Amino acid sequence: MLIIDRVIEEPVEVLSLFYDLHMLVQIGGRERTATEFRTLLQNAGLQMQRIIVPTESPMFPLRLVEASL
């Protein structure tokens, strides 16, 4: 399974918290750290394999989170 999403850095910066609030209000979502993705996937019976960085660019902050059974 591949999840395409933004993975925020730890420790979480204040700006990321504002993005979180914006996503929560607009679409009921939130941004997650790698640790939070790992926990979420484990709770669903999956194991996070790795996080793939397609390109190191602030204009493309999305990551591919690879998970398996």
PDB file of N, CA and C in Angstrom:
ATOM      1  N   MET A   1       0.843  -1.151   0.000  1.00  0.00           N
ATOM      2  CA  MET A   1       0.000   0.000   0.000  1.00  0.00           C
ATOM      3  C   MET A   1       0.898   1.226   0.000  1.00  0.00           C
ATOM      4  N   LEU A   2       0.515   2.222  -0.776  1.00  0.00           N
ATOM      5  CA  LEU A   2       1.213   3.507  -0.762  1.00  0.00           C
ATOM      6  C   LEU A   2       0.241   4.597  -0.338  1.00  0.00           C
ATOM      7  N   ILE A   3       0.657   5.395   0.612  1.00  0.00           N
ATOM      8  CA  ILE A   3      -0.109   6.558   1.053  1.00  0.00           C
ATOM      9  C   ILE A   3       0.651   7.780   0.570  1.00  0.00           C
ATOM     10  N   ILE A   4      -0.021   8.650  -0.157  1.00  0.00           N
ATOM     11  CA  ILE A   4       0.602   9.882  -0.638  1.00  0.00           C
ATOM     12  C   ILE A   4       0.094  11.010   0.242  1.00  0.00           C
ATOM     13  N   ASP A   5       0.997  11.586   1.029  1.00  0.00           N
ATOM     14  CA  ASP A   5       0.601  12.609   1.982  1.00  0.00           C
ATOM     15  C   ASP A   5       1.828  13.395   2.409  1.00  0.00           C
ATOM     16  N   ARG A   6       1.596  14.446   3.124  1.00  0.00           N
ATOM     17  CA  ARG A   6       2.687  15.221   3.701  1.00  0.00           C
ATOM     18  C   ARG A   6       3.025  14.600   5.047  1.00  0.00           C
ATOM     19  N   VAL A   7       4.294  14.395   5.325  1.00  0.00           N
ATOM     20  CA  VAL A   7       4.754  13.873   6.609  1.00  0.00           C
ATOM     21  C   VAL A   7       5.522  14.995   7.278  1.00  0.00           C
ATOM     22  N   ILE A   8       5.017  15.470   8.414  1.00  0.00           N
ATOM     23  CA  ILE A   8       5.667  16.600   9.067  1.00  0.00           C
ATOM     24  C   ILE A   8       6.825  16.115   9.936  1.00  0.00           C
ATOM     25  N   GLU A   9       7.788  16.991  10.109  1.00  0.00           N
ATOM     26  CA  GLU A   9       8.999  16.671  10.863  1.00  0.00           C
ATOM     27  C   GLU A   9       8.728  16.737  12.362  1.00  0.00           C
ATOM     28  N   GLU A  10       9.516  15.984  13.120  1.00  0.00           N
ATOM     29  CA  GLU A  10       9.475  16.061  14.577  1.00  0.00           C
ATOM     30  C   GLU A  10      10.735  16.766  15.047  1.00  0.00           C
ATOM     31  N   PRO A  11      10.724  17.624  16.022  1.00  0.00           N
ATOM     32  CA  PRO A  11       9.542  18.102  16.730  1.00  0.00           C
ATOM     33  C   PRO A  11       8.674  18.970  15.812  1.00  0.00           C
ATOM     34  N   VAL A  12       7.394  18.978  16.091  1.00  0.00           N
ATOM     35  CA  VAL A  12       6.423  19.686  15.259  1.00  0.00           C
ATOM     36  C   VAL A  12       6.588  21.189  15.437  1.00  0.00           C
ATOM     37  N   GLU A  13       6.682  21.895  14.321  1.00  0.00           N
ATOM     38  CA  GLU A  13       6.811  23.350  14.354  1.00  0.00           C
ATOM     39  C   GLU A  13       5.435  23.995  14.462  1.00  0.00           C
ATOM     40  N   VAL A  14       5.403  25.223  14.934  1.00  0.00           N
ATOM     41  CA  VAL A  14       4.143  25.947  15.130  1.00  0.00           C
ATOM     42  C   VAL A  14       3.365  26.067  13.822  1.00  0.00           C
ATOM     43  N   LEU A  15       4.043  26.333  12.711  1.00  0.00           N
ATOM     44  CA  LEU A  15       3.357  26.480  11.430  1.00  0.00           C
ATOM     45  C   LEU A  15       2.616  25.199  11.051  1.00  0.00           C
ATOM     46  N   SER A  16       3.192  24.054  11.355  1.00  0.00           N
ATOM     47  CA  SER A  16       2.522  22.784  11.068  1.00  0.00           C
ATOM     48  C   SER A  16       1.232  22.650  11.864  1.00  0.00           C
ATOM     49  N   LEU A  17       1.214  23.185  13.073  1.00  0.00           N
ATOM     50  CA  LEU A  17      -0.007  23.139  13.886  1.00  0.00           C
ATOM     51  C   LEU A  17      -1.114  23.973  13.252  1.00  0.00           C
ATOM     52  N   PHE A  18      -0.748  25.102  12.641  1.00  0.00           N
ATOM     53  CA  PHE A  18      -1.746  25.927  11.956  1.00  0.00           C
ATOM     54  C   PHE A  18      -2.297  25.201  10.729  1.00  0.00           C
ATOM     55  N   TYR A  19      -1.427  24.499   9.985  1.00  0.00           N
ATOM     56  CA  TYR A  19      -1.892  23.699   8.846  1.00  0.00           C
ATOM     57  C   TYR A  19      -2.852  22.613   9.332  1.00  0.00           C
ATOM     58  N   ASP A  20      -2.513  22.005  10.462  1.00  0.00           N
ATOM     59  CA  ASP A  20      -3.359  20.978  11.052  1.00  0.00           C
ATOM     60  C   ASP A  20      -4.753  21.525  11.350  1.00  0.00           C
ATOM     61  N   LEU A  21      -4.797  22.679  11.973  1.00  0.00           N
ATOM     62  CA  LEU A  21      -6.067  23.317  12.312  1.00  0.00           C
ATOM     63  C   LEU A  21      -6.861  23.642  11.053  1.00  0.00           C
ATOM     64  N   HIS A  22      -6.178  24.163  10.038  1.00  0.00           N
ATOM     65  CA  HIS A  22      -6.832  24.492   8.768  1.00  0.00           C
ATOM     66  C   HIS A  22      -7.443  23.237   8.143  1.00  0.00           C
ATOM     67  N   MET A  23      -6.680  22.154   8.101  1.00  0.00           N
ATOM     68  CA  MET A  23      -7.187  20.913   7.508  1.00  0.00           C
ATOM     69  C   MET A  23      -8.360  20.363   8.310  1.00  0.00           C
ATOM     70  N   LEU A  24      -8.288  20.459   9.629  1.00  0.00           N
ATOM     71  CA  LEU A  24      -9.361  19.961  10.479  1.00  0.00           C
ATOM     72  C   LEU A  24     -10.654  20.720  10.220  1.00  0.00           C
ATOM     73  N   VAL A  25     -10.553  22.039  10.128  1.00  0.00           N
ATOM     74  CA  VAL A  25     -11.738  22.874   9.916  1.00  0.00           C
ATOM     75  C   VAL A  25     -12.292  22.699   8.509  1.00  0.00           C
ATOM     76  N   GLN A  26     -11.418  22.621   7.514  1.00  0.00           N
ATOM     77  CA  GLN A  26     -11.864  22.567   6.124  1.00  0.00           C
ATOM     78  C   GLN A  26     -12.356  21.187   5.695  1.00  0.00           C
ATOM     79  N   ILE A  27     -11.607  20.138   6.017  1.00  0.00           N
ATOM     80  CA  ILE A  27     -11.959  18.815   5.478  1.00  0.00           C
ATOM     81  C   ILE A  27     -11.937  17.698   6.522  1.00  0.00           C
ATOM     82  N   GLY A  28     -11.823  18.042   7.781  1.00  0.00           N
ATOM     83  CA  GLY A  28     -11.843  17.016   8.817  1.00  0.00           C
ATOM     84  C   GLY A  28     -10.589  16.165   8.873  1.00  0.00           C
ATOM     85  N   GLY A  29      -9.478  16.667   8.344  1.00  0.00           N
ATOM     86  CA  GLY A  29      -8.230  15.907   8.319  1.00  0.00           C
ATOM     87  C   GLY A  29      -7.167  16.507   9.210  1.00  0.00           C
ATOM     88  N   ARG A  30      -5.979  15.918   9.152  1.00  0.00           N
ATOM     89  CA  ARG A  30      -4.843  16.453   9.898  1.00  0.00           C
ATOM     90  C   ARG A  30      -3.556  15.944   9.282  1.00  0.00           C
ATOM     91  N   GLU A  31      -2.460  16.629   9.588  1.00  0.00           N
ATOM     92  CA  GLU A  31      -1.145  16.184   9.142  1.00  0.00           C
ATOM     93  C   GLU A  31      -0.561  15.292  10.222  1.00  0.00           C
ATOM     94  N   ARG A  32       0.307  14.376   9.809  1.00  0.00           N
ATOM     95  CA  ARG A  32       0.878  13.419  10.753  1.00  0.00           C
ATOM     96  C   ARG A  32       2.397  13.353  10.621  1.00  0.00           C
ATOM     97  N   THR A  33       3.037  13.014  11.734  1.00  0.00           N
ATOM     98  CA  THR A  33       4.472  12.738  11.725  1.00  0.00           C
ATOM     99  C   THR A  33       4.657  11.276  11.318  1.00  0.00           C
ATOM    100  N   ALA A  34       5.897  10.883  11.074  1.00  0.00           N
ATOM    101  CA  ALA A  34       6.184   9.487  10.732  1.00  0.00           C
ATOM    102  C   ALA A  34       5.753   8.560  11.867  1.00  0.00           C
ATOM    103  N   THR A  35       5.973   8.973  13.099  1.00  0.00           N
ATOM    104  CA  THR A  35       5.563   8.178  14.257  1.00  0.00           C
ATOM    105  C   THR A  35       4.052   7.999  14.288  1.00  0.00           C
ATOM    106  N   GLU A  36       3.316   9.066  13.996  1.00  0.00           N
ATOM    107  CA  GLU A  36       1.852   8.981  13.984  1.00  0.00           C
ATOM    108  C   GLU A  36       1.355   8.081  12.852  1.00  0.00           C
ATOM    109  N   PHE A  37       2.000   8.148  11.674  1.00  0.00           N
ATOM    110  CA  PHE A  37       1.640   7.247  10.574  1.00  0.00           C
ATOM    111  C   PHE A  37       1.883   5.795  10.985  1.00  0.00           C
ATOM    112  N   ARG A  38       3.037   5.534  11.619  1.00  0.00           N
ATOM    113  CA  ARG A  38       3.374   4.174  12.046  1.00  0.00           C
ATOM    114  C   ARG A  38       2.308   3.634  13.008  1.00  0.00           C
ATOM    115  N   THR A  39       1.910   4.442  13.983  1.00  0.00           N
ATOM    116  CA  THR A  39       0.886   4.036  14.949  1.00  0.00           C
ATOM    117  C   THR A  39      -0.457   3.806  14.271  1.00  0.00           C
ATOM    118  N   LEU A  40      -0.854   4.709  13.384  1.00  0.00           N
ATOM    119  CA  LEU A  40      -2.117   4.584  12.657  1.00  0.00           C
ATOM    120  C   LEU A  40      -2.156   3.288  11.848  1.00  0.00           C
ATOM    121  N   LEU A  41      -1.063   3.009  11.150  1.00  0.00           N
ATOM    122  CA  LEU A  41      -0.991   1.796  10.338  1.00  0.00           C
ATOM    123  C   LEU A  41      -0.998   0.538  11.208  1.00  0.00           C
ATOM    124  N   GLN A  42      -0.281   0.563  12.328  1.00  0.00           N
ATOM    125  CA  GLN A  42      -0.271  -0.591  13.234  1.00  0.00           C
ATOM    126  C   GLN A  42      -1.671  -0.871  13.769  1.00  0.00           C
ATOM    127  N   ASN A  43      -2.407   0.193  14.082  1.00  0.00           N
ATOM    128  CA  ASN A  43      -3.778   0.023  14.573  1.00  0.00           C
ATOM    129  C   ASN A  43      -4.689  -0.585  13.511  1.00  0.00           C
ATOM    130  N   ALA A  44      -4.321  -0.439  12.244  1.00  0.00           N
ATOM    131  CA  ALA A  44      -5.093  -1.006  11.134  1.00  0.00           C
ATOM    132  C   ALA A  44      -4.554  -2.378  10.715  1.00  0.00           C
ATOM    133  N   GLY A  45      -3.569  -2.901  11.461  1.00  0.00           N
ATOM    134  CA  GLY A  45      -3.012  -4.212  11.144  1.00  0.00           C
ATOM    135  C   GLY A  45      -1.960  -4.183  10.053  1.00  0.00           C
ATOM    136  N   LEU A  46      -1.405  -3.014   9.779  1.00  0.00           N
ATOM    137  CA  LEU A  46      -0.376  -2.865   8.750  1.00  0.00           C
ATOM    138  C   LEU A  46       0.944  -2.470   9.389  1.00  0.00           C
ATOM    139  N   GLN A  47       2.024  -2.620   8.631  1.00  0.00           N
ATOM    140  CA  GLN A  47       3.349  -2.239   9.114  1.00  0.00           C
ATOM    141  C   GLN A  47       3.966  -1.243   8.140  1.00  0.00           C
ATOM    142  N   MET A  48       4.419  -0.108   8.669  1.00  0.00           N
ATOM    143  CA  MET A  48       5.063   0.884   7.818  1.00  0.00           C
ATOM    144  C   MET A  48       6.438   0.366   7.425  1.00  0.00           C
ATOM    145  N   GLN A  49       6.729   0.345   6.132  1.00  0.00           N
ATOM    146  CA  GLN A  49       8.007  -0.138   5.624  1.00  0.00           C
ATOM    147  C   GLN A  49       9.029   0.987   5.499  1.00  0.00           C
ATOM    148  N   ARG A  50       8.604   2.063   4.866  1.00  0.00           N
ATOM    149  CA  ARG A  50       9.526   3.188   4.658  1.00  0.00           C
ATOM    150  C   ARG A  50       8.745   4.403   4.181  1.00  0.00           C
ATOM    151  N   ILE A  51       9.422   5.549   4.221  1.00  0.00           N
ATOM    152  CA  ILE A  51       8.883   6.788   3.670  1.00  0.00           C
ATOM    153  C   ILE A  51       9.782   7.180   2.510  1.00  0.00           C
ATOM    154  N   ILE A  52       9.181   7.327   1.348  1.00  0.00           N
ATOM    155  CA  ILE A  52       9.919   7.655   0.129  1.00  0.00           C
ATOM    156  C   ILE A  52       9.776   9.146  -0.140  1.00  0.00           C
ATOM    157  N   VAL A  53      10.906   9.803  -0.373  1.00  0.00           N
ATOM    158  CA  VAL A  53      10.914  11.226  -0.707  1.00  0.00           C
ATOM    159  C   VAL A  53      11.126  11.334  -2.210  1.00  0.00           C
ATOM    160  N   PRO A  54      10.054  11.623  -2.997  1.00  0.00           N
ATOM    161  CA  PRO A  54      10.195  11.680  -4.452  1.00  0.00           C
ATOM    162  C   PRO A  54      11.175  12.757  -4.912  1.00  0.00           C
ATOM    163  N   THR A  55      11.152  13.896  -4.241  1.00  0.00           N
ATOM    164  CA  THR A  55      12.052  14.990  -4.590  1.00  0.00           C
ATOM    165  C   THR A  55      12.197  15.903  -3.387  1.00  0.00           C
ATOM    166  N   GLU A  56      13.398  16.392  -3.163  1.00  0.00           N
ATOM    167  CA  GLU A  56      13.638  17.318  -2.061  1.00  0.00           C
ATOM    168  C   GLU A  56      13.325  18.729  -2.531  1.00  0.00           C
ATOM    169  N   SER A  57      12.073  19.112  -2.396  1.00  0.00           N
ATOM    170  CA  SER A  57      11.657  20.435  -2.841  1.00  0.00           C
ATOM    171  C   SER A  57      10.564  20.961  -1.924  1.00  0.00           C
ATOM    172  N   PRO A  58      10.694  22.196  -1.447  1.00  0.00           N
ATOM    173  CA  PRO A  58       9.619  22.767  -0.632  1.00  0.00           C
ATOM    174  C   PRO A  58       8.330  22.948  -1.432  1.00  0.00           C
ATOM    175  N   MET A  59       8.436  22.935  -2.759  1.00  0.00           N
ATOM    176  CA  MET A  59       7.252  23.069  -3.602  1.00  0.00           C
ATOM    177  C   MET A  59       6.516  21.732  -3.732  1.00  0.00           C
ATOM    178  N   PHE A  60       7.156  20.634  -3.350  1.00  0.00           N
ATOM    179  CA  PHE A  60       6.542  19.308  -3.419  1.00  0.00           C
ATOM    180  C   PHE A  60       6.783  18.596  -2.094  1.00  0.00           C
ATOM    181  N   PRO A  61       6.016  18.956  -1.043  1.00  0.00           N
ATOM    182  CA  PRO A  61       6.273  18.394   0.286  1.00  0.00           C
ATOM    183  C   PRO A  61       5.671  17.013   0.513  1.00  0.00           C
ATOM    184  N   LEU A  62       5.041  16.420  -0.513  1.00  0.00           N
ATOM    185  CA  LEU A  62       4.393  15.130  -0.320  1.00  0.00           C
ATOM    186  C   LEU A  62       5.407  13.996  -0.232  1.00  0.00           C
ATOM    187  N   ARG A  63       5.044  12.969   0.516  1.00  0.00           N
ATOM    188  CA  ARG A  63       5.868  11.783   0.686  1.00  0.00           C
ATOM    189  C   ARG A  63       5.028  10.552   0.357  1.00  0.00           C
ATOM    190  N   LEU A  64       5.687   9.468   0.045  1.00  0.00           N
ATOM    191  CA  LEU A  64       5.022   8.190  -0.170  1.00  0.00           C
ATOM    192  C   LEU A  64       5.306   7.329   1.053  1.00  0.00           C
ATOM    193  N   VAL A  65       4.262   6.966   1.773  1.00  0.00           N
ATOM    194  CA  VAL A  65       4.403   6.111   2.943  1.00  0.00           C
ATOM    195  C   VAL A  65       4.060   4.695   2.499  1.00  0.00           C
ATOM    196  N   GLU A  66       5.051   3.812   2.523  1.00  0.00           N
ATOM    197  CA  GLU A  66       4.855   2.433   2.081  1.00  0.00           C
ATOM    198  C   GLU A  66       4.510   1.554   3.283  1.00  0.00           C
ATOM    199  N   ALA A  67       3.439   0.765   3.140  1.00  0.00           N
ATOM    200  CA  ALA A  67       3.005  -0.122   4.216  1.00  0.00           C
ATOM    201  C   ALA A  67       2.636  -1.484   3.642  1.00  0.00           C
ATOM    202  N   SER A  68       2.691  -2.502   4.502  1.00  0.00           N
ATOM    203  CA  SER A  68       2.322  -3.856   4.074  1.00  0.00           C
ATOM    204  C   SER A  68       1.629  -4.580   5.224  1.00  0.00           C
ATOM    205  N   LEU A  69       1.050  -5.737   4.894  1.00  0.00           N
ATOM    206  CA  LEU A  69       0.386  -6.563   5.919  1.00  0.00           C
ATOM    207  C   LEU A  69       1.396  -7.208   6.828  1.00  0.00           C
TER     208      LEU A  69
END
